Amino acid sequence: DSGQILFLDAVLRPQSPVNRFLWNLDRGDHPHTQDALTTLIGRHFKIHTLVNLPYYYDYVFYLGVKKP
């Protein structure tokens, strides 16, 4: 079976006071760090593209294909 993933999510940056403040206001119960998301996605997909998109939150964008 082949498959692709396109994934975009806000990530937790504990060292950033603004990021921590916004996560405290957010309704998300389980924010993840970029390292945690990379590990989770990398278990099943070969990541071809990883882009950091800083805004009020820091976002990450992943593009990958399913591992055989």
N, C-alpha and C. Protein backbone atom coordinates (compact mmCIF):
# COMPACT_ATOMS: atom_id res chain seq x y z
N ASP A 1 0.84 -1.19 0.00
CA ASP A 1 0.00 0.00 0.00
C ASP A 1 0.88 1.25 0.00
N SER A 2 0.56 2.16 -0.87
CA SER A 2 1.29 3.42 -0.90
C SER A 2 0.39 4.52 -0.34
N GLY A 3 0.99 5.56 0.12
CA GLY A 3 0.22 6.68 0.65
C GLY A 3 1.12 7.88 0.85
N GLN A 4 0.49 9.01 0.98
CA GLN A 4 1.21 10.25 1.21
C GLN A 4 0.61 10.96 2.41
N ILE A 5 1.39 11.83 3.00
CA ILE A 5 0.89 12.65 4.11
C ILE A 5 1.25 14.10 3.86
N LEU A 6 0.29 14.95 4.13
CA LEU A 6 0.48 16.39 4.15
C LEU A 6 -0.07 16.82 5.50
N PHE A 7 0.78 17.37 6.38
CA PHE A 7 0.40 17.62 7.76
C PHE A 7 0.87 19.01 8.16
N LEU A 8 -0.03 19.79 8.74
CA LEU A 8 0.29 21.13 9.22
C LEU A 8 -0.28 21.26 10.62
N ASP A 9 0.55 21.71 11.57
CA ASP A 9 0.08 21.86 12.94
C ASP A 9 0.91 22.91 13.66
N ALA A 10 0.31 23.51 14.67
CA ALA A 10 1.03 24.42 15.56
C ALA A 10 1.85 23.58 16.53
N VAL A 11 3.04 24.05 16.88
CA VAL A 11 3.91 23.30 17.79
C VAL A 11 4.21 24.13 19.03
N LEU A 12 4.49 23.41 20.10
CA LEU A 12 4.85 24.02 21.37
C LEU A 12 6.33 24.37 21.36
N ARG A 13 6.64 25.60 21.71
CA ARG A 13 8.02 26.06 21.88
C ARG A 13 8.13 26.57 23.32
N PRO A 14 8.47 25.68 24.27
CA PRO A 14 8.48 26.06 25.69
C PRO A 14 9.38 27.25 26.01
N GLN A 15 10.42 27.48 25.22
CA GLN A 15 11.35 28.56 25.50
C GLN A 15 10.80 29.92 25.10
N SER A 16 9.67 29.97 24.39
CA SER A 16 9.09 31.23 23.93
C SER A 16 7.94 31.66 24.85
N PRO A 17 8.08 32.79 25.54
CA PRO A 17 7.00 33.26 26.41
C PRO A 17 5.69 33.52 25.65
N VAL A 18 5.78 34.07 24.44
CA VAL A 18 4.58 34.34 23.65
C VAL A 18 3.90 33.03 23.28
N ASN A 19 4.68 32.05 22.84
CA ASN A 19 4.13 30.75 22.47
C ASN A 19 3.45 30.09 23.68
N ARG A 20 4.10 30.10 24.83
CA ARG A 20 3.51 29.51 26.04
C ARG A 20 2.21 30.21 26.42
N PHE A 21 2.20 31.54 26.35
CA PHE A 21 1.00 32.30 26.66
C PHE A 21 -0.15 31.92 25.74
N LEU A 22 0.12 31.84 24.43
CA LEU A 22 -0.94 31.49 23.48
C LEU A 22 -1.45 30.08 23.70
N TRP A 23 -0.55 29.14 24.03
CA TRP A 23 -1.00 27.77 24.31
C TRP A 23 -1.85 27.71 25.57
N ASN A 24 -1.59 28.59 26.53
CA ASN A 24 -2.43 28.63 27.73
C ASN A 24 -3.84 29.08 27.41
N LEU A 25 -4.00 29.90 26.38
CA LEU A 25 -5.32 30.36 25.95
C LEU A 25 -6.01 29.38 25.01
N ASP A 26 -5.23 28.55 24.36
CA ASP A 26 -5.73 27.63 23.34
C ASP A 26 -6.54 26.51 23.98
N ARG A 27 -7.47 25.97 23.24
CA ARG A 27 -8.28 24.86 23.74
C ARG A 27 -7.62 23.51 23.49
N GLY A 28 -6.52 23.48 22.78
CA GLY A 28 -5.82 22.22 22.54
C GLY A 28 -5.31 21.63 23.84
N ASP A 29 -5.62 20.37 24.07
CA ASP A 29 -5.25 19.73 25.33
C ASP A 29 -3.85 19.15 25.33
N HIS A 30 -3.31 18.84 24.17
CA HIS A 30 -2.04 18.13 24.12
C HIS A 30 -1.12 18.71 23.04
N PRO A 31 -0.54 19.88 23.29
CA PRO A 31 0.38 20.42 22.28
C PRO A 31 1.63 19.55 22.18
N HIS A 32 2.17 19.45 20.99
CA HIS A 32 3.37 18.65 20.74
C HIS A 32 4.51 19.55 20.30
N THR A 33 5.72 19.12 20.60
CA THR A 33 6.89 19.81 20.08
C THR A 33 7.16 19.31 18.66
N GLN A 34 7.98 20.05 17.93
CA GLN A 34 8.35 19.62 16.58
C GLN A 34 9.07 18.28 16.62
N ASP A 35 9.94 18.08 17.58
CA ASP A 35 10.66 16.80 17.69
C ASP A 35 9.70 15.64 17.89
N ALA A 36 8.69 15.83 18.72
CA ALA A 36 7.72 14.75 18.97
C ALA A 36 6.93 14.44 17.70
N LEU A 37 6.49 15.47 16.97
CA LEU A 37 5.75 15.23 15.73
C LEU A 37 6.61 14.56 14.68
N THR A 38 7.87 14.97 14.57
CA THR A 38 8.78 14.37 13.60
C THR A 38 8.97 12.88 13.92
N THR A 39 9.10 12.54 15.19
CA THR A 39 9.24 11.14 15.58
C THR A 39 7.99 10.35 15.25
N LEU A 40 6.83 10.88 15.61
CA LEU A 40 5.57 10.17 15.36
C LEU A 40 5.31 9.96 13.87
N ILE A 41 5.46 11.01 13.09
CA ILE A 41 5.22 10.90 11.65
C ILE A 41 6.28 10.03 10.99
N GLY A 42 7.54 10.16 11.45
CA GLY A 42 8.64 9.40 10.87
C GLY A 42 8.55 7.89 11.09
N ARG A 43 7.74 7.46 12.02
CA ARG A 43 7.55 6.01 12.23
C ARG A 43 6.92 5.33 11.03
N HIS A 44 6.05 6.06 10.34
CA HIS A 44 5.27 5.46 9.26
C HIS A 44 5.49 6.11 7.90
N PHE A 45 6.12 7.28 7.89
CA PHE A 45 6.31 8.01 6.64
C PHE A 45 7.74 8.48 6.50
N LYS A 46 8.25 8.45 5.26
CA LYS A 46 9.54 9.06 4.96
C LYS A 46 9.24 10.54 4.68
N ILE A 47 9.81 11.41 5.52
CA ILE A 47 9.53 12.84 5.41
C ILE A 47 10.42 13.44 4.33
N HIS A 48 9.77 13.99 3.29
CA HIS A 48 10.50 14.62 2.18
C HIS A 48 10.67 16.11 2.41
N THR A 49 9.69 16.73 3.04
CA THR A 49 9.72 18.17 3.25
C THR A 49 9.28 18.48 4.67
N LEU A 50 10.03 19.35 5.32
CA LEU A 50 9.68 19.85 6.65
C LEU A 50 9.95 21.35 6.63
N VAL A 51 8.90 22.14 6.84
CA VAL A 51 9.02 23.59 6.78
C VAL A 51 8.50 24.17 8.10
N ASN A 52 9.26 25.09 8.68
CA ASN A 52 8.83 25.82 9.87
C ASN A 52 8.18 27.12 9.42
N LEU A 53 6.99 27.40 9.95
CA LEU A 53 6.25 28.60 9.58
C LEU A 53 5.98 29.42 10.84
N PRO A 54 6.85 30.36 11.18
CA PRO A 54 6.63 31.15 12.39
C PRO A 54 5.53 32.20 12.18
N TYR A 55 4.66 32.29 13.13
CA TYR A 55 3.62 33.31 13.16
C TYR A 55 3.38 33.57 14.64
N TYR A 56 2.21 33.82 15.09
CA TYR A 56 1.99 33.94 16.53
C TYR A 56 2.27 32.60 17.21
N TYR A 57 1.79 31.56 16.60
CA TYR A 57 2.21 30.21 16.95
C TYR A 57 3.33 29.85 15.98
N ASP A 58 4.11 28.85 16.32
CA ASP A 58 5.04 28.29 15.34
C ASP A 58 4.36 27.08 14.74
N TYR A 59 4.34 27.01 13.43
CA TYR A 59 3.71 25.90 12.72
C TYR A 59 4.78 25.07 12.04
N VAL A 60 4.48 23.80 11.84
CA VAL A 60 5.34 22.94 11.03
C VAL A 60 4.48 22.31 9.94
N PHE A 61 5.08 22.14 8.78
CA PHE A 61 4.43 21.52 7.63
C PHE A 61 5.27 20.33 7.22
N TYR A 62 4.63 19.17 7.10
CA TYR A 62 5.31 17.94 6.69
C TYR A 62 4.71 17.44 5.39
N LEU A 63 5.54 16.93 4.52
CA LEU A 63 5.11 16.23 3.32
C LEU A 63 5.94 14.97 3.24
N GLY A 64 5.28 13.84 3.11
CA GLY A 64 6.02 12.59 3.08
C GLY A 64 5.26 11.48 2.38
N VAL A 65 5.93 10.35 2.22
CA VAL A 65 5.32 9.17 1.61
C VAL A 65 5.42 8.01 2.60
N LYS A 66 4.45 7.13 2.52
CA LYS A 66 4.39 5.98 3.42
C LYS A 66 5.59 5.08 3.20
N LYS A 67 6.17 4.60 4.31
CA LYS A 67 7.28 3.67 4.21
C LYS A 67 6.75 2.31 3.77
N PRO A 68 7.58 1.58 3.01
CA PRO A 68 7.13 0.24 2.56
C PRO A 68 7.00 -0.74 3.72
